C-alpha atoms as a PDB file:
ATOM      1  CA  MET A   1     116.243  63.603   9.317  1.00  0.00           C
ATOM      2  CA  LYS A   2     114.698  66.881  10.462  1.00  0.00           C
ATOM      3  CA  PHE A   3     112.018  65.211  12.577  1.00  0.00           C
ATOM      4  CA  LYS A   4     114.562  62.858  14.179  1.00  0.00           C
ATOM      5  CA  THR A   5     116.618  65.868  15.256  1.00  0.00           C
ATOM      6  CA  GLU A   6     113.552  67.723  16.540  1.00  0.00           C
ATOM      7  CA  LYS A   7     112.478  64.696  18.586  1.00  0.00           C
ATOM      8  CA  ASN A   8     115.934  64.400  20.136  1.00  0.00           C
ATOM      9  CA  ILE A   9     115.976  68.108  20.973  1.00  0.00           C
ATOM     10  CA  ARG A  10     112.552  67.847  22.587  1.00  0.00           C
ATOM     11  CA  ILE A  11     113.676  64.878  24.702  1.00  0.00           C
ATOM     12  CA  ILE A  12     116.774  66.776  25.826  1.00  0.00           C
ATOM     13  CA  ASN A  13     114.642  69.812  26.646  1.00  0.00           C
ATOM     14  CA  GLU A  14     112.308  67.775  28.853  1.00  0.00           C
ATOM     15  CA  LEU A  15     115.195  66.141  30.713  1.00  0.00           C
ATOM     16  CA  MET A  16     116.994  69.440  31.249  1.00  0.00           C
ATOM     17  CA  ALA A  17     113.792  71.001  32.599  1.00  0.00           C
ATOM     18  CA  PHE A  18     113.523  68.057  34.986  1.00  0.00           C
ATOM     19  CA  CYS A  19     117.093  68.653  36.207  1.00  0.00           C
ATOM     20  CA  TYR A  20     116.485  72.404  36.604  1.00  0.00           C
ATOM     21  CA  HIS A  21     113.412  71.566  38.678  1.00  0.00           C
ATOM     22  CA  PHE A  22     115.795  69.963  41.186  1.00  0.00           C
ATOM     23  CA  HIS A  23     118.016  73.078  41.198  1.00  0.00           C
ATOM     24  CA  SER A  24     120.807  71.717  39.047  1.00  0.00           C
ATOM     25  CA  ASP A  25     123.044  74.460  37.701  1.00  0.00           C
ATOM     26  CA  ASP A  26     125.608  72.098  36.183  1.00  0.00           C
ATOM     27  CA  ILE A  27     124.219  69.944  33.356  1.00  0.00           C
ATOM     28  CA  SER A  28     126.200  68.234  30.597  1.00  0.00           C
ATOM     29  CA  VAL A  29     124.482  66.930  27.467  1.00  0.00           C
ATOM     30  CA  ASN A  30     126.004  64.632  24.869  1.00  0.00           C
ATOM     31  CA  ILE A  31     124.198  63.296  21.835  1.00  0.00           C
ATOM     32  CA  LYS A  32     125.622  60.894  19.288  1.00  0.00           C
ATOM     33  CA  THR A  33     123.773  59.744  16.178  1.00  0.00           C
ATOM     34  CA  ILE A  34     125.119  56.941  14.035  1.00  0.00           C
ATOM     35  CA  ASN A  35     122.968  55.573  11.223  1.00  0.00           C
ATOM     36  CA  ASN A  36     119.495  55.208  12.754  1.00  0.00           C
ATOM     37  CA  LYS A  37     120.547  55.142  16.421  1.00  0.00           C
ATOM     38  CA  SER A  38     120.758  58.176  18.704  1.00  0.00           C
ATOM     39  CA  THR A  39     122.340  58.012  22.142  1.00  0.00           C
ATOM     40  CA  ILE A  40     121.570  60.865  24.531  1.00  0.00           C
ATOM     41  CA  LYS A  41     123.610  61.236  27.720  1.00  0.00           C
ATOM     42  CA  ILE A  42     122.856  63.772  30.426  1.00  0.00           C
ATOM     43  CA  ASN A  43     124.841  64.286  33.613  1.00  0.00           C
ATOM     44  CA  ALA A  44     123.483  66.740  36.168  1.00  0.00           C
ATOM     45  CA  LEU A  45     124.745  67.829  39.543  1.00  0.00           C
ATOM     46  CA  ILE A  46     121.770  67.530  41.915  1.00  0.00           C
ATOM     47  CA  TYR A  47     122.364  67.690  45.636  1.00  0.00           C
ATOM     48  CA  ASN A  48     120.193  65.402  47.761  1.00  0.00           C
ATOM     49  CA  PHE A  49     118.084  64.049  44.906  1.00  0.00           C
ATOM     50  CA  PRO A  50     115.075  62.440  46.640  1.00  0.00           C
ATOM     51  CA  LYS A  51     114.939  58.632  46.402  1.00  0.00           C
ATOM     52  CA  ARG A  52     111.234  58.754  45.553  1.00  0.00           C
ATOM     53  CA  ASP A  53     111.897  61.040  42.572  1.00  0.00           C
ATOM     54  CA  TYR A  54     114.848  58.890  41.479  1.00  0.00           C
ATOM     55  CA  ASP A  55     112.705  55.742  41.528  1.00  0.00           C
ATOM     56  CA  ASN A  56     109.914  57.556  39.676  1.00  0.00           C
ATOM     57  CA  LEU A  57     112.369  58.760  37.022  1.00  0.00           C
ATOM     58  CA  ILE A  58     113.579  55.219  36.397  1.00  0.00           C
ATOM     59  CA  GLU A  59     110.018  53.922  36.153  1.00  0.00           C
ATOM     60  CA  THR A  60     108.743  56.637  33.810  1.00  0.00           C
ATOM     61  CA  LEU A  61     111.725  56.542  31.448  1.00  0.00           C
ATOM     62  CA  ASN A  62     111.422  52.769  31.147  1.00  0.00           C
ATOM     63  CA  ILE A  63     107.839  52.755  29.905  1.00  0.00           C
ATOM     64  CA  PRO A  64     107.764  50.571  26.760  1.00  0.00           C
ATOM     65  CA  ARG A  65     108.339  52.501  23.548  1.00  0.00           C
ATOM     66  CA  GLN A  66     105.207  53.402  21.634  1.00  0.00           C
ATOM     67  CA  HIS A  67     105.992  54.596  18.111  1.00  0.00           C
ATOM     68  CA  GLU A  68     102.437  55.787  17.522  1.00  0.00           C
ATOM     69  CA  VAL A  69     102.755  58.303  20.380  1.00  0.00           C
ATOM     70  CA  GLU A  70     105.536  60.124  18.551  1.00  0.00           C
ATOM     71  CA  GLN A  71     103.034  61.345  15.965  1.00  0.00           C
ATOM     72  CA  TYR A  72     101.068  63.144  18.685  1.00  0.00           C
ATOM     73  CA  TYR A  73     103.955  64.061  20.997  1.00  0.00           C
ATOM     74  CA  TRP A  74     103.932  67.767  20.160  1.00  0.00           C
ATOM     75  CA  GLN A  75     100.291  68.110  21.207  1.00  0.00           C
ATOM     76  CA  LEU A  76     100.593  65.941  24.328  1.00  0.00           C
ATOM     77  CA  SER A  77     103.509  67.650  26.042  1.00  0.00           C
ATOM     78  CA  GLY A  78     103.833  71.199  27.158  1.00  0.00           C
ATOM     79  CA  GLU A  79     101.903  72.306  30.188  1.00  0.00           C
ATOM     80  CA  SER A  80     101.668  69.071  32.158  1.00  0.00           C
ATOM     81  CA  GLU A  81     103.525  67.977  35.250  1.00  0.00           C
ATOM     82  CA  PHE A  82     106.958  66.336  34.921  1.00  0.00           C
ATOM     83  CA  ASP A  83     105.586  62.799  35.398  1.00  0.00           C
ATOM     84  CA  CYS A  84     103.418  63.063  32.294  1.00  0.00           C
ATOM     85  CA  GLU A  85     106.160  64.638  30.180  1.00  0.00           C
ATOM     86  CA  LEU A  86     108.760  62.097  31.295  1.00  0.00           C
ATOM     87  CA  SER A  87     106.325  59.286  30.535  1.00  0.00           C
ATOM     88  CA  LEU A  88     106.080  60.647  27.002  1.00  0.00           C
ATOM     89  CA  VAL A  89     109.884  60.710  26.793  1.00  0.00           C
ATOM     90  CA  GLY A  90     109.903  57.097  28.000  1.00  0.00           C
ATOM     91  CA  MET A  91     107.465  56.178  25.247  1.00  0.00           C
ATOM     92  CA  MET A  92     109.826  57.672  22.662  1.00  0.00           C
ATOM     93  CA  VAL A  93     113.023  55.836  23.631  1.00  0.00           C
ATOM     94  CA  ASP A  94     114.100  52.227  23.270  1.00  0.00           C
ATOM     95  CA  THR A  95     116.279  51.999  26.377  1.00  0.00           C
ATOM     96  CA  ALA A  96     116.917  54.161  29.428  1.00  0.00           C
ATOM     97  CA  LYS A  97     119.635  53.843  32.039  1.00  0.00           C
ATOM     98  CA  VAL A  98     119.565  56.018  35.150  1.00  0.00           C
ATOM     99  CA  LYS A  99     122.078  56.206  37.977  1.00  0.00           C
ATOM    100  CA  TYR A 100     122.596  58.633  40.864  1.00  0.00           C
ATOM    101  CA  ASP A 101     126.017  58.604  42.481  1.00  0.00           C
ATOM    102  CA  ASP A 102     127.966  61.278  44.416  1.00  0.00           C
ATOM    103  CA  ASN A 103     125.254  63.890  43.700  1.00  0.00           C
ATOM    104  CA  ILE A 104     125.483  63.299  39.934  1.00  0.00           C
ATOM    105  CA  LEU A 105     122.394  62.110  38.071  1.00  0.00           C
ATOM    106  CA  TYR A 106     123.389  60.088  34.999  1.00  0.00           C
ATOM    107  CA  ILE A 107     120.795  59.483  32.290  1.00  0.00           C
ATOM    108  CA  GLU A 108     121.495  57.570  29.078  1.00  0.00           C
ATOM    109  CA  LEU A 109     118.781  57.064  26.478  1.00  0.00           C
ATOM    110  CA  GLU A 110     118.819  55.253  23.144  1.00  0.00           C
ATOM    111  CA  ARG A 111     116.444  55.812  20.248  1.00  0.00           C
ATOM    112  CA  ILE A 112     116.400  53.686  17.124  1.00  0.00           C
ATOM    113  CA  GLU A 113     114.612  55.276  14.185  1.00  0.00           C
ATOM    114  CA  ASN A 114     112.604  53.107  11.857  1.00  0.00           C
ATOM    115  CA  SER A 115     113.852  53.442   8.309  1.00  0.00           C
END
């Protein structure tokens, strides 16, 4: 249970850092865990979010999940650029939905833990 929580916190941290990078000062985070499934929702107010960065976010968060990466995640992330860190987040989630509407970036991620 402890490692599941730490992984979720790390994912949220990376996504919040991404939003802060685009000067968001209004970020809402919601996390719900039922049984072995965690759903993370982030809404961030970002004015004029560049289309190129939006498309890149969708692509990197939808990289196929790679369970083996989670074992090395702590060593891999940290001082890299956002693309690398978001790719690692993408490798740790099962599904990612991203939408940008009326200056609000909506991100919803799902993680299913193996028992």
